């Protein structure tokens, strides 16, 4: 049986959605039926054999739609294979990634039933044209490591396909 996996994303300006689309492609290449949907629009997890949640990190926490998704579906996520990734730091340096990892871990600790089989933190993207003053004065950045994103996506896909994602 071909597994069906939902990739829900919580994003403000679209960079997390772009990563979710890339991951859907990686899963599809492994024969998994992958669906992407904004986390705020997901009404049910019925029909999905597994879930991946992607969320941006803002001001030290998961995007509000990501937090809401985890809370609304905590029981269902605890009963099926679940992976999560976050986009956060403006640079992919060790300190920024470690800080973002702590933020992701703190969000997961609030939902005690959740034990994702895979987690990842990737650098984020920032377009000052999408923001108001004073943020529109900051330099643009894109710290997403697409090689690392694809590698993580392949690992998640193979674990779903092999039934090891539990």
C-alpha atoms as a PDB file:
ATOM      1  CA  UNK A   1       0.000   0.000   0.000  1.00  0.00           C
ATOM      2  CA  UNK A   2       1.296   3.434  -0.925  1.00  0.00           C
ATOM      3  CA  UNK A   3       1.492   5.709   2.113  1.00  0.00           C
ATOM      4  CA  UNK A   4      -0.170   9.125   2.007  1.00  0.00           C
ATOM      5  CA  UNK A   5       1.646  11.874   3.880  1.00  0.00           C
ATOM      6  CA  UNK A   6       0.469  15.384   4.688  1.00  0.00           C
ATOM      7  CA  UNK A   7       3.074  18.139   4.704  1.00  0.00           C
ATOM      8  CA  UNK A   8       1.477  20.999   6.611  1.00  0.00           C
ATOM      9  CA  UNK A   9       3.271  24.332   6.694  1.00  0.00           C
ATOM     10  CA  UNK A  10       3.034  27.447   8.846  1.00  0.00           C
ATOM     11  CA  UNK A  11       4.496  30.429   7.049  1.00  0.00           C
ATOM     12  CA  UNK A  12       4.141  34.172   6.994  1.00  0.00           C
ATOM     13  CA  UNK A  13       5.814  35.058   3.711  1.00  0.00           C
ATOM     14  CA  UNK A  14       6.105  31.767   1.836  1.00  0.00           C
ATOM     15  CA  UNK A  15       9.624  30.447   2.435  1.00  0.00           C
ATOM     16  CA  UNK A  16       8.405  27.536   4.589  1.00  0.00           C
ATOM     17  CA  UNK A  17       5.826  26.696   1.916  1.00  0.00           C
ATOM     18  CA  UNK A  18       8.639  26.519  -0.646  1.00  0.00           C
ATOM     19  CA  UNK A  19      10.490  24.017   1.553  1.00  0.00           C
ATOM     20  CA  UNK A  20       7.270  22.003   2.016  1.00  0.00           C
ATOM     21  CA  UNK A  21       6.872  21.826  -1.772  1.00  0.00           C
ATOM     22  CA  UNK A  22      10.456  20.611  -2.148  1.00  0.00           C
ATOM     23  CA  UNK A  23       9.875  17.937   0.492  1.00  0.00           C
ATOM     24  CA  UNK A  24       6.665  16.833  -1.245  1.00  0.00           C
ATOM     25  CA  UNK A  25       8.722  16.290  -4.381  1.00  0.00           C
ATOM     26  CA  UNK A  26      11.253  14.201  -2.465  1.00  0.00           C
ATOM     27  CA  UNK A  27       8.523  12.030  -0.962  1.00  0.00           C
ATOM     28  CA  UNK A  28       6.768  11.651  -4.315  1.00  0.00           C
ATOM     29  CA  UNK A  29      10.040  10.506  -5.910  1.00  0.00           C
ATOM     30  CA  UNK A  30      10.040   7.645  -3.381  1.00  0.00           C
ATOM     31  CA  UNK A  31       6.518   6.598  -4.330  1.00  0.00           C
ATOM     32  CA  UNK A  32       4.753   8.311  -1.451  1.00  0.00           C
ATOM     33  CA  UNK A  33       1.586  10.275  -2.121  1.00  0.00           C
ATOM     34  CA  UNK A  34       2.414  13.680  -0.625  1.00  0.00           C
ATOM     35  CA  UNK A  35      -0.035  16.505  -0.050  1.00  0.00           C
ATOM     36  CA  UNK A  36       0.865  20.033   1.047  1.00  0.00           C
ATOM     37  CA  UNK A  37      -1.521  22.336   2.885  1.00  0.00           C
ATOM     38  CA  UNK A  38      -1.303  25.423   5.056  1.00  0.00           C
ATOM     39  CA  UNK A  39      -1.430  24.246   8.683  1.00  0.00           C
ATOM     40  CA  UNK A  40      -4.274  26.660   9.454  1.00  0.00           C
ATOM     41  CA  UNK A  41      -6.417  25.058   6.722  1.00  0.00           C
ATOM     42  CA  UNK A  42      -6.058  21.440   7.886  1.00  0.00           C
ATOM     43  CA  UNK A  43      -9.370  20.234   9.323  1.00  0.00           C
ATOM     44  CA  UNK A  44      -8.558  16.548   9.845  1.00  0.00           C
ATOM     45  CA  UNK A  45      -5.697  14.072   9.603  1.00  0.00           C
ATOM     46  CA  UNK A  46      -8.019  11.270   8.473  1.00  0.00           C
ATOM     47  CA  UNK A  47      -6.660   9.516   5.416  1.00  0.00           C
ATOM     48  CA  UNK A  48      -3.025  10.372   6.096  1.00  0.00           C
ATOM     49  CA  UNK A  49      -0.589   7.656   7.119  1.00  0.00           C
ATOM     50  CA  UNK A  50       1.941  10.224   8.321  1.00  0.00           C
ATOM     51  CA  UNK A  51       2.470  13.940   8.799  1.00  0.00           C
ATOM     52  CA  UNK A  52       5.319  16.381   8.361  1.00  0.00           C
ATOM     53  CA  UNK A  53       4.895  19.847   9.862  1.00  0.00           C
ATOM     54  CA  UNK A  54       7.050  22.735   8.746  1.00  0.00           C
ATOM     55  CA  UNK A  55       6.965  25.994  10.636  1.00  0.00           C
ATOM     56  CA  UNK A  56       8.762  29.281  10.580  1.00  0.00           C
ATOM     57  CA  UNK A  57      10.232  30.522  13.847  1.00  0.00           C
ATOM     58  CA  UNK A  58       9.450  34.109  14.829  1.00  0.00           C
ATOM     59  CA  UNK A  59      10.613  35.991  17.887  1.00  0.00           C
ATOM     60  CA  UNK A  60      11.719  32.842  19.656  1.00  0.00           C
ATOM     61  CA  UNK A  61       8.721  30.586  18.932  1.00  0.00           C
ATOM     62  CA  UNK A  62       7.039  28.541  16.279  1.00  0.00           C
ATOM     63  CA  UNK A  63       4.677  30.428  14.006  1.00  0.00           C
ATOM     64  CA  UNK A  64       1.224  30.663  15.606  1.00  0.00           C
ATOM     65  CA  UNK A  65      -0.279  28.356  12.957  1.00  0.00           C
ATOM     66  CA  UNK A  66       2.386  25.746  13.712  1.00  0.00           C
ATOM     67  CA  UNK A  67       1.721  25.934  17.466  1.00  0.00           C
ATOM     68  CA  UNK A  68      -2.020  25.692  16.854  1.00  0.00           C
ATOM     69  CA  UNK A  69      -1.560  22.684  14.549  1.00  0.00           C
ATOM     70  CA  UNK A  70       0.513  20.834  17.154  1.00  0.00           C
ATOM     71  CA  UNK A  71      -2.061  21.550  19.845  1.00  0.00           C
ATOM     72  CA  UNK A  72      -5.165  20.733  17.763  1.00  0.00           C
ATOM     73  CA  UNK A  73      -3.794  17.452  16.463  1.00  0.00           C
ATOM     74  CA  UNK A  74      -1.542  16.337  19.338  1.00  0.00           C
ATOM     75  CA  UNK A  75      -3.430  13.061  19.896  1.00  0.00           C
ATOM     76  CA  UNK A  76      -3.583  12.181  16.199  1.00  0.00           C
ATOM     77  CA  UNK A  77       0.075  13.098  15.718  1.00  0.00           C
ATOM     78  CA  UNK A  78       0.989  10.891  18.652  1.00  0.00           C
ATOM     79  CA  UNK A  79      -0.709   7.945  16.953  1.00  0.00           C
ATOM     80  CA  UNK A  80       0.971   8.155  13.518  1.00  0.00           C
ATOM     81  CA  UNK A  81       4.439   8.795  12.126  1.00  0.00           C
ATOM     82  CA  UNK A  82       5.245  12.468  12.522  1.00  0.00           C
ATOM     83  CA  UNK A  83       8.245  14.597  11.541  1.00  0.00           C
ATOM     84  CA  UNK A  84       8.824  18.317  11.969  1.00  0.00           C
ATOM     85  CA  UNK A  85      11.145  20.958  10.593  1.00  0.00           C
ATOM     86  CA  UNK A  86      11.558  24.630  11.372  1.00  0.00           C
ATOM     87  CA  UNK A  87      13.045  27.545   9.475  1.00  0.00           C
ATOM     88  CA  UNK A  88      14.542  30.137  11.673  1.00  0.00           C
ATOM     89  CA  UNK A  89      17.885  31.788  11.764  1.00  0.00           C
ATOM     90  CA  UNK A  90      18.807  34.454   9.250  1.00  0.00           C
ATOM     91  CA  UNK A  91      22.193  32.798   8.989  1.00  0.00           C
ATOM     92  CA  UNK A  92      22.982  29.105   9.130  1.00  0.00           C
ATOM     93  CA  UNK A  93      25.811  29.487  11.629  1.00  0.00           C
ATOM     94  CA  UNK A  94      26.098  27.028  14.517  1.00  0.00           C
ATOM     95  CA  UNK A  95      24.847  29.520  17.111  1.00  0.00           C
ATOM     96  CA  UNK A  96      21.754  30.477  15.104  1.00  0.00           C
ATOM     97  CA  UNK A  97      20.849  26.856  14.367  1.00  0.00           C
ATOM     98  CA  UNK A  98      21.369  25.859  18.031  1.00  0.00           C
ATOM     99  CA  UNK A  99      19.159  28.718  19.228  1.00  0.00           C
ATOM    100  CA  UNK A 100      16.434  27.769  16.762  1.00  0.00           C
ATOM    101  CA  UNK A 101      16.747  24.099  17.784  1.00  0.00           C
ATOM    102  CA  UNK A 102      16.071  25.122  21.409  1.00  0.00           C
ATOM    103  CA  UNK A 103      12.979  27.029  20.258  1.00  0.00           C
ATOM    104  CA  UNK A 104      11.690  23.997  18.357  1.00  0.00           C
ATOM    105  CA  UNK A 105      12.419  21.687  21.303  1.00  0.00           C
ATOM    106  CA  UNK A 106      10.553  24.044  23.654  1.00  0.00           C
ATOM    107  CA  UNK A 107       7.481  23.994  21.394  1.00  0.00           C
ATOM    108  CA  UNK A 108       7.538  20.182  21.264  1.00  0.00           C
ATOM    109  CA  UNK A 109       7.966  19.940  25.048  1.00  0.00           C
ATOM    110  CA  UNK A 110       4.649  21.765  25.493  1.00  0.00           C
ATOM    111  CA  UNK A 111       2.867  18.918  23.688  1.00  0.00           C
ATOM    112  CA  UNK A 112       4.063  15.942  25.729  1.00  0.00           C
ATOM    113  CA  UNK A 113       2.372  13.302  23.558  1.00  0.00           C
ATOM    114  CA  UNK A 114       4.485  14.204  20.542  1.00  0.00           C
ATOM    115  CA  UNK A 115       7.596  12.261  19.671  1.00  0.00           C
ATOM    116  CA  UNK A 116       8.568  13.029  16.087  1.00  0.00           C
ATOM    117  CA  UNK A 117      10.712  10.408  14.386  1.00  0.00           C
ATOM    118  CA  UNK A 118      12.684  13.167  12.657  1.00  0.00           C
ATOM    119  CA  UNK A 119      13.328  16.830  13.394  1.00  0.00           C
ATOM    120  CA  UNK A 120      15.375  19.447  11.595  1.00  0.00           C
ATOM    121  CA  UNK A 121      16.149  23.141  11.720  1.00  0.00           C
ATOM    122  CA  UNK A 122      17.171  24.985   8.598  1.00  0.00           C
ATOM    123  CA  UNK A 123      18.147  28.564   7.995  1.00  0.00           C
ATOM    124  CA  UNK A 124      15.331  30.873   7.020  1.00  0.00           C
ATOM    125  CA  UNK A 125      14.754  33.498   4.378  1.00  0.00           C
ATOM    126  CA  UNK A 126      14.062  37.186   4.865  1.00  0.00           C
ATOM    127  CA  UNK A 127      12.864  39.660   2.250  1.00  0.00           C
ATOM    128  CA  UNK A 128      12.775  43.205   3.652  1.00  0.00           C
ATOM    129  CA  UNK A 129      10.294  44.260   0.940  1.00  0.00           C
ATOM    130  CA  UNK A 130       7.684  42.099   2.705  1.00  0.00           C
ATOM    131  CA  UNK A 131       8.030  43.980   5.986  1.00  0.00           C
ATOM    132  CA  UNK A 132       7.330  47.371   7.482  1.00  0.00           C
ATOM    133  CA  UNK A 133       9.710  49.778   9.150  1.00  0.00           C
ATOM    134  CA  UNK A 134      12.147  49.145  10.764  1.00  0.00           C
ATOM    135  CA  UNK A 135      12.451  45.593   9.386  1.00  0.00           C
ATOM    136  CA  UNK A 136      12.294  46.812   5.792  1.00  0.00           C
ATOM    137  CA  UNK A 137      15.712  48.410   6.421  1.00  0.00           C
ATOM    138  CA  UNK A 138      17.376  45.071   7.188  1.00  0.00           C
ATOM    139  CA  UNK A 139      19.382  43.266   4.498  1.00  0.00           C
ATOM    140  CA  UNK A 140      17.776  40.431   2.569  1.00  0.00           C
ATOM    141  CA  UNK A 141      18.963  36.929   3.371  1.00  0.00           C
ATOM    142  CA  UNK A 142      18.265  33.352   2.413  1.00  0.00           C
ATOM    143  CA  UNK A 143      20.041  30.874   4.669  1.00  0.00           C
ATOM    144  CA  UNK A 144      18.086  27.834   3.473  1.00  0.00           C
ATOM    145  CA  UNK A 145      20.534  25.027   2.700  1.00  0.00           C
ATOM    146  CA  UNK A 146      18.726  23.251  -0.123  1.00  0.00           C
ATOM    147  CA  UNK A 147      21.217  20.374  -0.118  1.00  0.00           C
ATOM    148  CA  UNK A 148      20.509  19.730   3.583  1.00  0.00           C
ATOM    149  CA  UNK A 149      16.757  20.148   3.024  1.00  0.00           C
ATOM    150  CA  UNK A 150      16.789  17.619   0.174  1.00  0.00           C
ATOM    151  CA  UNK A 151      18.911  15.194   2.184  1.00  0.00           C
ATOM    152  CA  UNK A 152      16.544  15.402   5.172  1.00  0.00           C
ATOM    153  CA  UNK A 153      13.569  15.009   2.844  1.00  0.00           C
ATOM    154  CA  UNK A 154      15.108  11.900   1.287  1.00  0.00           C
ATOM    155  CA  UNK A 155      15.739  10.405   4.731  1.00  0.00           C
ATOM    156  CA  UNK A 156      12.163  11.126   5.835  1.00  0.00           C
ATOM    157  CA  UNK A 157      10.809   9.707   2.563  1.00  0.00           C
ATOM    158  CA  UNK A 158      12.817   6.491   2.863  1.00  0.00           C
ATOM    159  CA  UNK A 159      11.707   6.030   6.459  1.00  0.00           C
ATOM    160  CA  UNK A 160       8.051   6.507   5.489  1.00  0.00           C
ATOM    161  CA  UNK A 161       8.427   4.162   2.496  1.00  0.00           C
ATOM    162  CA  UNK A 162      10.146   1.459   4.557  1.00  0.00           C
ATOM    163  CA  UNK A 163       7.623   1.721   7.384  1.00  0.00           C
ATOM    164  CA  UNK A 164      10.409   2.810   9.755  1.00  0.00           C
ATOM    165  CA  UNK A 165       8.784   6.156  10.555  1.00  0.00           C
ATOM    166  CA  UNK A 166       7.231   5.441  13.901  1.00  0.00           C
END
